[in-house]
Amino acid sequence: MKITEITLTNFRNYTSRKFEFQAEGCLITGRNGVGKTNLLEAICYPAFGKSVRQFPDADLINHDATEFMLNSKYQDKGKTFTFQIICSKNQKIIRLNKNPLNRISELYDYLKIVYFSSEDIWLINGTRQKRRSFFDQAITQSSILYSNVLREYYRILEQRNSILKDVKFASQLKQWNQQFISKAIELVEYRNKYLVRFKEIAETILNEITDSLESVDIIYDASNNIKYEQEWLEQYLQKIEDQEFENKRTLVGPHLDEYEFLINSYSVKRYSSQGQRRSLSIALRFAQIAMIKETLHTNPIIIFDDALSELDKVRVDKIMKLLTDEHQILIASPNIENYRDFQFPVIELEKGNDDEVK
């Protein structure tokens, strides 16, 4: 899978700019603030239908404009895919090969991009929501069926929460409980199945980049220690019904669950060094790549947004050797000296003129 070109119109700091890419990838360089991350964010947008950095669409529009437009072209297994995305504060239109898409989730069928960021350390240090989002995205990239289950779960959750906001609708809760339980169990089954292979790969990669022999475990931790079993959940939801009406929301379920990372049986978040956390966060991304390759037999585009800047050249070399020539690799950094040996084409952003398409 490769990106061949992208044209940006009023996206972030780009008023009008075109970029072309070689099959092997490129090094994107320039001072901080010239738009390296913005370019990578634009490249990722057609893969997810939103900002890979979790910004609202309105924040992506150039300050002097009312909408942005992306036109990009990708190739995979001899096929060419063109995407056009037009987004204002009130509307978003996504076209694939000139045909409008009905659902954003359809994008996961076409583009596979794995985005390494210096902020990936927050997969370890941050909230449980960060970890859930990471795994939800990773699993969806390997299984569009998971995306459908996830979307249906949140639709049911939204309806259930609406009922819990007003006790006069209590009689409707039982029927929604059955749908909620069924979809929650299905969702968690997907998550646990994915973890079995994922953590094996993450452990192997971590040991390769750190020259160590450490055991890695990832535990799926259900909120409130609930059991994802039909009868057990039926009884539990009945038990906490008054409490949920009082709080006006669903108090248990996959939307609240946690992933806990362990190295040598110790909590990474509580006991590991910053270096161990950084290395593990990189290993998680590589495991995400491997899962896409194993399940779909395709090589995702790999993006490094200054993600290796805190590592020495020896560690960078080890990490890059994990990648094959089949991947297109895009690397953004203000200092590209650590990457000179890879002999990628270089895009120097400050040499362009954003007033014209280049």
Protein backbone atom coordinates (compact mmCIF):
# COMPACT_ATOMS: atom_id res chain seq x y z
CA MET A 1 0.00 0.00 0.00
CA LYS A 2 1.44 3.36 -1.06
CA ILE A 3 0.42 6.99 -1.27
CA THR A 4 1.46 8.56 -4.57
CA GLU A 5 0.20 12.12 -4.21
CA ILE A 6 -1.88 14.48 -2.10
CA THR A 7 -3.19 18.00 -2.69
CA LEU A 8 -4.15 20.15 0.29
CA THR A 9 -6.45 23.14 0.12
CA ASN A 10 -6.95 25.20 3.27
CA PHE A 11 -5.88 22.31 5.47
CA ARG A 12 -4.19 23.62 8.60
CA ASN A 13 -1.36 25.94 7.50
CA TYR A 14 -1.54 24.80 3.85
CA THR A 15 -3.57 27.11 1.62
CA SER A 16 -2.68 25.24 -1.57
CA ARG A 17 0.04 22.62 -1.89
CA LYS A 18 0.65 19.39 -3.75
CA PHE A 19 3.04 16.62 -2.72
CA GLU A 20 4.18 13.56 -4.65
CA PHE A 21 5.70 10.47 -3.02
CA GLN A 22 8.01 7.70 -4.12
CA ALA A 23 7.21 4.04 -3.43
CA GLU A 24 9.86 3.70 -0.73
CA GLY A 25 8.67 6.78 1.16
CA CYS A 26 10.44 9.97 2.15
CA LEU A 27 11.98 12.11 4.86
CA ILE A 28 9.97 15.24 5.61
CA THR A 29 12.02 17.98 7.20
CA GLY A 30 11.80 21.60 8.22
CA ARG A 31 11.77 23.72 11.34
CA ASN A 32 9.15 23.11 14.01
CA GLY A 33 5.93 24.82 13.03
CA VAL A 34 6.27 24.67 9.23
CA GLY A 35 3.70 21.87 8.81
CA LYS A 36 5.40 18.47 9.05
CA THR A 37 2.79 17.01 11.37
CA ASN A 38 -0.02 18.73 9.45
CA LEU A 39 1.07 16.98 6.24
CA LEU A 40 1.17 13.60 7.96
CA GLU A 41 -2.23 14.26 9.53
CA ALA A 42 -3.63 14.97 6.06
CA ILE A 43 -2.15 11.74 4.66
CA CYS A 44 -3.78 9.75 7.48
CA TYR A 45 -7.18 11.44 7.22
CA PRO A 46 -8.59 9.25 4.40
CA ALA A 47 -7.69 6.12 6.38
CA PHE A 48 -9.82 7.07 9.39
CA GLY A 49 -12.18 9.81 8.22
CA LYS A 50 -11.00 12.05 11.03
CA SER A 51 -7.87 13.50 12.59
CA VAL A 52 -5.47 10.78 13.63
CA ARG A 53 -4.51 13.15 16.46
CA GLN A 54 -8.13 13.35 17.68
CA PHE A 55 -8.69 17.01 16.77
CA PRO A 56 -12.19 18.17 15.74
CA ASP A 57 -12.61 18.73 12.01
CA ALA A 58 -13.19 22.44 12.58
CA ASP A 59 -9.63 22.73 13.94
CA LEU A 60 -8.21 21.41 10.66
CA ILE A 61 -9.63 24.27 8.56
CA ASN A 62 -7.22 27.08 7.76
CA HIS A 63 -8.07 30.17 9.79
CA ASP A 64 -8.82 32.22 6.65
CA ALA A 65 -11.19 29.64 5.13
CA THR A 66 -14.58 28.02 5.77
CA GLU A 67 -13.68 24.50 4.61
CA PHE A 68 -10.72 22.31 3.72
CA MET A 69 -10.30 19.90 0.84
CA LEU A 70 -8.01 16.89 0.46
CA ASN A 71 -7.40 15.08 -2.81
CA SER A 72 -5.17 12.03 -2.49
CA LYS A 73 -4.21 8.95 -4.47
CA TYR A 74 -3.14 5.58 -3.10
CA GLN A 75 -2.13 2.29 -4.71
CA ASP A 76 -2.52 -1.22 -3.38
CA LYS A 77 -2.03 -4.56 -5.14
CA GLY A 78 -2.24 -2.98 -8.58
CA LYS A 79 -5.36 -0.94 -7.82
CA THR A 80 -5.55 2.85 -7.54
CA PHE A 81 -7.83 4.57 -5.04
CA THR A 82 -8.55 8.29 -5.20
CA PHE A 83 -10.10 10.12 -2.27
CA GLN A 84 -11.65 13.54 -2.12
CA ILE A 85 -12.64 14.94 1.24
CA ILE A 86 -14.41 18.27 1.60
CA CYS A 87 -15.09 19.36 5.15
CA SER A 88 -16.67 22.47 6.60
CA LYS A 89 -17.76 23.12 10.16
CA ASN A 90 -21.19 21.66 9.41
CA GLN A 91 -20.68 19.07 6.68
CA LYS A 92 -18.22 16.42 5.55
CA ILE A 93 -18.23 14.78 2.11
CA ILE A 94 -15.98 11.81 1.36
CA ARG A 95 -15.68 10.44 -2.16
CA LEU A 96 -13.85 7.29 -3.16
CA ASN A 97 -13.08 7.09 -6.88
CA LYS A 98 -15.62 9.93 -7.29
CA ASN A 99 -18.38 7.98 -5.51
CA PRO A 100 -19.66 9.25 -2.14
CA LEU A 101 -19.27 6.96 0.86
CA ASN A 102 -22.29 6.34 3.08
CA ARG A 103 -20.33 5.59 6.25
CA ILE A 104 -16.92 6.72 7.42
CA SER A 105 -16.17 3.19 8.65
CA GLU A 106 -16.04 2.05 5.01
CA LEU A 107 -12.63 3.73 4.77
CA TYR A 108 -11.13 0.94 6.88
CA ASP A 109 -11.72 -1.41 3.93
CA TYR A 110 -9.31 0.50 1.71
CA LEU A 111 -6.47 2.22 3.54
CA LYS A 112 -4.16 0.85 6.21
CA ILE A 113 -1.88 3.37 7.87
CA VAL A 114 0.00 3.00 11.16
CA TYR A 115 0.99 6.30 12.72
CA PHE A 116 3.86 6.47 15.19
CA SER A 117 3.91 9.65 17.28
CA SER A 118 6.06 10.97 20.09
CA GLU A 119 2.77 11.14 22.00
CA ASP A 120 2.38 7.34 21.85
CA ILE A 121 3.91 7.21 25.32
CA TRP A 122 0.41 8.20 26.48
CA LEU A 123 -0.75 4.74 25.49
CA ILE A 124 1.08 3.78 28.68
CA ASN A 125 0.91 6.92 30.82
CA GLY A 126 -2.51 8.21 29.79
CA THR A 127 -6.12 7.36 30.49
CA ARG A 128 -7.87 4.06 29.90
CA GLN A 129 -9.80 5.82 27.14
CA LYS A 130 -6.49 6.28 25.25
CA ARG A 131 -5.79 2.57 25.46
CA ARG A 132 -9.31 1.59 24.43
CA SER A 133 -9.11 3.92 21.43
CA PHE A 134 -5.78 2.43 20.39
CA PHE A 135 -7.06 -1.14 20.48
CA ASP A 136 -10.42 -0.28 18.92
CA GLN A 137 -8.61 1.31 15.98
CA ALA A 138 -6.07 -1.50 15.71
CA ILE A 139 -8.69 -4.26 15.77
CA THR A 140 -10.86 -2.41 13.26
CA GLN A 141 -7.90 -2.17 10.88
CA SER A 142 -7.65 -5.96 10.96
CA SER A 143 -11.39 -6.70 11.00
CA ILE A 144 -14.17 -4.61 9.50
CA LEU A 145 -16.60 -6.91 11.32
CA TYR A 146 -15.30 -5.52 14.61
CA SER A 147 -16.09 -2.02 13.38
CA ASN A 148 -19.69 -3.06 12.78
CA VAL A 149 -20.00 -4.62 16.24
CA LEU A 150 -18.43 -1.57 17.88
CA ARG A 151 -20.75 0.82 16.09
CA GLU A 152 -23.81 -1.24 17.01
CA TYR A 153 -22.69 -1.45 20.64
CA TYR A 154 -22.42 2.32 20.92
CA ARG A 155 -25.81 2.76 19.24
CA ILE A 156 -27.38 0.50 21.88
CA LEU A 157 -25.41 2.21 24.65
CA GLU A 158 -26.67 5.62 23.53
CA GLN A 159 -30.27 4.39 23.58
CA ARG A 160 -29.83 2.77 26.97
CA ASN A 161 -28.35 5.97 28.40
CA SER A 162 -31.32 7.93 27.05
CA ILE A 163 -33.66 5.67 29.00
CA LEU A 164 -31.58 6.02 32.17
CA LYS A 165 -31.94 9.79 32.05
CA ASP A 166 -35.66 9.52 32.92
CA VAL A 167 -37.07 6.89 35.30
CA LYS A 168 -40.50 7.05 33.64
CA PHE A 169 -38.99 4.98 30.79
CA ALA A 170 -37.84 2.24 33.16
CA SER A 171 -40.22 -0.30 31.61
CA GLN A 172 -38.22 -0.12 28.35
CA LEU A 173 -34.91 -0.91 30.00
CA LYS A 174 -35.26 -4.69 30.07
CA GLN A 175 -35.47 -5.09 26.29
CA TRP A 176 -32.46 -2.84 25.78
CA ASN A 177 -30.56 -4.76 28.46
CA GLN A 178 -30.78 -7.91 26.34
CA GLN A 179 -29.38 -6.16 23.28
CA PHE A 180 -26.72 -4.46 25.38
CA ILE A 181 -25.58 -7.74 26.97
CA SER A 182 -25.47 -9.60 23.67
CA LYS A 183 -23.40 -6.94 21.89
CA ALA A 184 -21.12 -6.34 24.91
CA ILE A 185 -20.23 -10.05 25.08
CA GLU A 186 -19.57 -10.15 21.34
CA LEU A 187 -17.37 -7.05 21.52
CA VAL A 188 -15.27 -8.36 24.38
CA GLU A 189 -14.82 -11.70 22.60
CA TYR A 190 -13.28 -9.83 19.65
CA ARG A 191 -11.00 -7.87 21.95
CA ASN A 192 -9.74 -10.90 23.86
CA LYS A 193 -9.20 -12.94 20.70
CA TYR A 194 -7.13 -10.11 19.19
CA LEU A 195 -5.01 -9.83 22.32
CA VAL A 196 -3.85 -13.46 22.24
CA ARG A 197 -1.68 -12.99 19.16
CA PHE A 198 -1.06 -9.26 19.62
CA LYS A 199 0.78 -9.61 22.92
CA GLU A 200 2.96 -12.44 21.57
CA ILE A 201 4.11 -10.15 18.77
CA ALA A 202 4.59 -7.16 21.10
CA GLU A 203 6.84 -9.21 23.38
CA THR A 204 9.00 -10.43 20.49
CA ILE A 205 9.42 -6.92 19.10
CA LEU A 206 10.15 -5.34 22.48
CA ASN A 207 12.94 -7.85 23.08
CA GLU A 208 14.40 -7.24 19.63
CA ILE A 209 14.65 -3.47 20.03
CA THR A 210 15.90 -3.57 23.63
CA ASP A 211 18.22 -6.63 23.45
CA SER A 212 16.41 -8.07 26.43
CA LEU A 213 14.37 -11.10 27.41
CA GLU A 214 11.35 -9.68 29.16
CA SER A 215 7.88 -11.15 29.38
CA VAL A 216 5.06 -8.92 28.24
CA ASP A 217 1.44 -9.36 29.17
CA ILE A 218 -1.64 -7.32 28.33
CA ILE A 219 -4.62 -7.96 30.56
CA TYR A 220 -8.13 -7.04 29.56
CA ASP A 221 -9.60 -5.65 32.76
CA ALA A 222 -13.40 -5.51 32.85
CA SER A 223 -14.84 -2.52 34.71
CA ASN A 224 -16.10 -3.33 38.21
CA ASN A 225 -14.80 -6.90 37.75
CA ILE A 226 -17.89 -7.86 35.83
CA LYS A 227 -18.19 -11.15 33.96
CA TYR A 228 -19.18 -11.11 30.32
CA GLU A 229 -21.67 -13.93 30.68
CA GLN A 230 -25.36 -13.68 29.79
CA GLU A 231 -26.90 -14.77 33.11
CA TRP A 232 -24.34 -12.99 35.25
CA LEU A 233 -24.84 -9.68 33.43
CA GLU A 234 -28.62 -9.95 33.57
CA GLN A 235 -28.49 -10.27 37.35
CA TYR A 236 -25.85 -7.56 37.74
CA LEU A 237 -27.70 -4.99 35.65
CA GLN A 238 -30.83 -5.65 37.67
CA LYS A 239 -28.85 -5.20 40.87
CA ILE A 240 -27.43 -1.78 39.87
CA GLU A 241 -30.53 -0.48 38.08
CA ASP A 242 -31.37 2.12 40.73
CA GLN A 243 -27.79 3.28 40.81
CA GLU A 244 -27.72 3.69 37.04
CA PHE A 245 -30.93 5.72 37.05
CA GLU A 246 -29.43 7.89 39.76
CA ASN A 247 -26.28 8.46 37.68
CA LYS A 248 -28.29 8.70 34.44
CA ARG A 249 -25.83 6.53 32.51
CA THR A 250 -24.61 2.97 31.98
CA LEU A 251 -22.07 2.15 34.69
CA VAL A 252 -20.51 -1.01 33.25
CA GLY A 253 -19.53 -2.34 29.85
CA PRO A 254 -16.77 -2.40 27.23
CA HIS A 255 -16.88 1.40 26.91
CA LEU A 256 -15.39 1.58 30.44
CA ASP A 257 -12.99 -1.37 30.38
CA GLU A 258 -9.20 -1.13 30.73
CA TYR A 259 -6.08 -2.67 29.22
CA GLU A 260 -3.22 -3.18 31.67
CA PHE A 261 0.36 -3.61 30.45
CA LEU A 262 2.78 -5.79 32.41
CA ILE A 263 6.52 -6.42 31.99
CA ASN A 264 7.85 -9.35 33.98
CA SER A 265 4.49 -9.45 35.81
CA TYR A 266 4.84 -5.85 37.06
CA SER A 267 2.59 -2.97 36.05
CA VAL A 268 4.31 -0.87 33.40
CA LYS A 269 2.42 2.23 34.42
CA ARG A 270 3.46 1.92 38.06
CA TYR A 271 6.94 0.40 38.01
CA SER A 272 8.68 0.83 34.65
CA SER A 273 11.17 3.48 33.60
CA GLN A 274 10.41 6.12 30.99
CA GLY A 275 12.70 4.28 28.57
CA GLN A 276 10.82 1.02 29.05
CA ARG A 277 7.51 2.78 28.45
CA ARG A 278 8.81 4.44 25.29
CA SER A 279 10.11 1.12 23.96
CA LEU A 280 6.85 -0.66 24.77
CA SER A 281 4.76 2.02 23.05
CA ILE A 282 6.86 1.51 19.90
CA ALA A 283 6.46 -2.27 20.19
CA LEU A 284 2.67 -1.83 20.39
CA ARG A 285 2.66 0.01 17.07
CA PHE A 286 4.82 -2.66 15.44
CA ALA A 287 2.45 -5.33 16.73
CA GLN A 288 -0.39 -3.34 15.12
CA ILE A 289 1.49 -3.50 11.80
CA ALA A 290 2.12 -7.23 12.15
CA MET A 291 -1.54 -7.97 12.88
CA ILE A 292 -2.62 -6.13 9.72
CA LYS A 293 -0.09 -8.10 7.67
CA GLU A 294 -1.08 -11.45 9.20
CA THR A 295 -4.82 -11.04 8.86
CA LEU A 296 -5.12 -9.08 5.61
CA HIS A 297 -1.85 -9.89 3.82
CA THR A 298 -1.19 -6.25 3.03
CA ASN A 299 1.60 -3.90 4.05
CA PRO A 300 0.31 -0.72 5.70
CA ILE A 301 1.87 2.67 5.11
CA ILE A 302 4.04 3.51 8.10
CA ILE A 303 4.39 7.05 9.40
CA PHE A 304 6.87 8.28 12.00
CA ASP A 305 5.95 11.74 13.27
CA ASP A 306 9.15 12.59 15.12
CA ALA A 307 8.48 9.41 17.09
CA LEU A 308 12.11 8.28 17.27
CA SER A 309 13.70 11.61 18.20
CA GLU A 310 14.45 10.57 21.80
CA LEU A 311 16.27 7.38 20.73
CA ASP A 312 19.92 7.03 19.80
CA LYS A 313 20.97 6.03 16.30
CA VAL A 314 21.68 2.42 17.30
CA ARG A 315 18.13 2.00 18.59
CA VAL A 316 16.71 3.73 15.53
CA ASP A 317 18.63 1.34 13.27
CA LYS A 318 17.21 -1.68 15.15
CA ILE A 319 13.70 -0.35 14.81
CA MET A 320 14.00 0.39 11.10
CA LYS A 321 15.44 -3.07 10.43
CA LEU A 322 12.13 -4.52 11.62
CA LEU A 323 10.52 -3.04 8.50
CA THR A 324 10.74 -4.61 5.07
CA ASP A 325 11.21 -2.90 1.72
CA GLU A 326 7.56 -3.68 1.00
CA HIS A 327 6.47 -0.85 3.30
CA GLN A 328 6.24 2.77 2.29
CA ILE A 329 7.78 4.72 5.17
CA LEU A 330 7.23 8.44 5.78
CA ILE A 331 9.39 10.06 8.44
CA ALA A 332 9.01 13.63 9.69
CA SER A 333 11.69 15.21 11.82
CA PRO A 334 13.44 18.58 12.19
CA ASN A 335 16.70 16.61 12.43
CA ILE A 336 17.07 13.89 9.81
CA GLU A 337 20.69 12.96 10.51
CA ASN A 338 19.65 9.68 12.18
CA TYR A 339 17.91 8.67 8.97
CA ARG A 340 20.50 9.60 6.33
CA ASP A 341 21.57 5.95 5.94
CA PHE A 342 18.14 5.01 4.61
CA GLN A 343 18.63 7.18 1.50
CA PHE A 344 14.99 8.18 1.24
CA PRO A 345 13.92 11.12 -0.94
CA VAL A 346 13.73 14.32 1.12
CA ILE A 347 10.85 16.81 1.18
CA GLU A 348 12.08 20.12 2.59
CA LEU A 349 8.91 21.98 3.44
CA GLU A 350 10.50 25.41 3.70
CA LYS A 351 11.51 25.30 0.04
CA GLY A 352 7.88 25.26 -1.11
CA ASN A 353 5.42 28.11 -1.58
CA ASP A 354 2.03 27.48 -0.03
CA ASP A 355 0.34 30.09 -2.23
CA GLU A 356 0.56 27.78 -5.22
CA VAL A 357 0.16 24.08 -5.81
CA LYS A 358 3.59 22.50 -6.15
